[in-house]
Amino acid sequence: MQAFEGITLIIILMIIVNAIGMGIFSSMIHNLLSEWKTREEKQALETEMTKKDAELQNPAKIQQMKGMMNGG
């Protein structure tokens, strides 16, 4: 009977430790997926900012050219 109690205790401890390990692993996977999503969003924003910057430079160049034509 004493051996059965010892095995039961070991089984319970193994279940607890395995559950903690699975929780840590799950947290790591969640953080990794979240980081990938954040990188994709950052890349999309940087691309959008680059496009907007290029769009804003064209009117600025036109204004400069108008100024030079008007004797400015």
Protein backbone atom coordinates (compact mmCIF):
# COMPACT_ATOMS: atom_id res chain seq x y z
CA MET A 1 0.00 0.00 0.00
CA GLN A 2 2.89 2.35 0.74
CA ALA A 3 4.29 1.83 -2.77
CA PHE A 4 0.91 2.71 -4.27
CA GLU A 5 0.84 6.00 -2.33
CA GLY A 6 4.37 6.81 -3.51
CA ILE A 7 3.48 6.12 -7.14
CA THR A 8 0.32 8.19 -6.81
CA LEU A 9 2.32 11.12 -5.45
CA ILE A 10 4.84 10.83 -8.29
CA ILE A 11 2.04 10.71 -10.88
CA ILE A 12 0.35 13.78 -9.41
CA LEU A 13 3.64 15.69 -9.36
CA MET A 14 4.39 14.67 -12.96
CA ILE A 15 0.97 15.89 -14.09
CA ILE A 16 1.47 19.23 -12.35
CA VAL A 17 4.98 19.73 -13.77
CA ASN A 18 3.81 18.73 -17.26
CA ALA A 19 0.90 21.17 -17.04
CA ILE A 20 3.28 23.97 -16.04
CA GLY A 21 5.63 23.05 -18.89
CA MET A 22 2.76 23.05 -21.40
CA GLY A 23 1.66 26.45 -20.12
CA ILE A 24 5.16 27.87 -20.58
CA PHE A 25 5.42 26.37 -24.07
CA SER A 26 1.99 27.71 -25.00
CA SER A 27 2.98 31.16 -23.77
CA MET A 28 6.15 31.06 -25.87
CA ILE A 29 4.21 30.10 -29.01
CA HIS A 30 1.63 32.84 -28.32
CA ASN A 31 4.38 35.44 -27.93
CA LEU A 32 6.07 34.29 -31.13
CA LEU A 33 2.85 34.54 -33.15
CA SER A 34 2.16 37.95 -31.64
CA GLU A 35 5.66 39.12 -32.57
CA TRP A 36 5.20 37.93 -36.18
CA LYS A 37 1.90 39.80 -36.40
CA THR A 38 3.50 42.96 -35.00
CA ARG A 39 6.34 42.72 -37.53
CA GLU A 40 3.87 42.37 -40.40
CA GLU A 41 1.90 45.39 -39.17
CA LYS A 42 5.10 47.41 -38.77
CA GLN A 43 6.21 46.48 -42.29
CA ALA A 44 2.80 47.49 -43.70
CA LEU A 45 2.96 50.86 -41.90
CA GLU A 46 6.50 51.52 -43.10
CA THR A 47 5.47 50.72 -46.67
CA GLU A 48 2.46 53.02 -46.38
CA MET A 49 4.60 55.82 -44.92
CA THR A 50 7.11 55.46 -47.76
CA LYS A 51 4.31 55.72 -50.33
CA LYS A 52 2.79 58.76 -48.60
CA ASP A 53 6.20 60.44 -48.40
CA ALA A 54 6.72 59.89 -52.13
CA GLU A 55 3.25 61.28 -52.85
CA LEU A 56 3.96 64.39 -50.78
CA GLN A 57 7.28 65.07 -52.49
CA ASN A 58 5.67 65.41 -55.94
CA PRO A 59 3.53 68.46 -55.04
CA ALA A 60 6.51 70.01 -53.27
CA LYS A 61 8.59 69.66 -56.42
CA ILE A 62 5.79 71.19 -58.50
CA GLN A 63 5.60 74.14 -56.13
CA GLN A 64 9.35 74.65 -56.40
CA MET A 65 9.18 74.54 -60.18
CA LYS A 66 6.32 77.08 -60.21
CA GLY A 67 8.33 79.33 -57.96
CA MET A 68 11.34 79.16 -60.26
CA MET A 69 9.18 79.89 -63.33
CA ASN A 70 7.60 82.92 -61.66
CA GLY A 71 11.02 84.38 -60.99
CA GLY A 72 11.28 83.23 -57.39
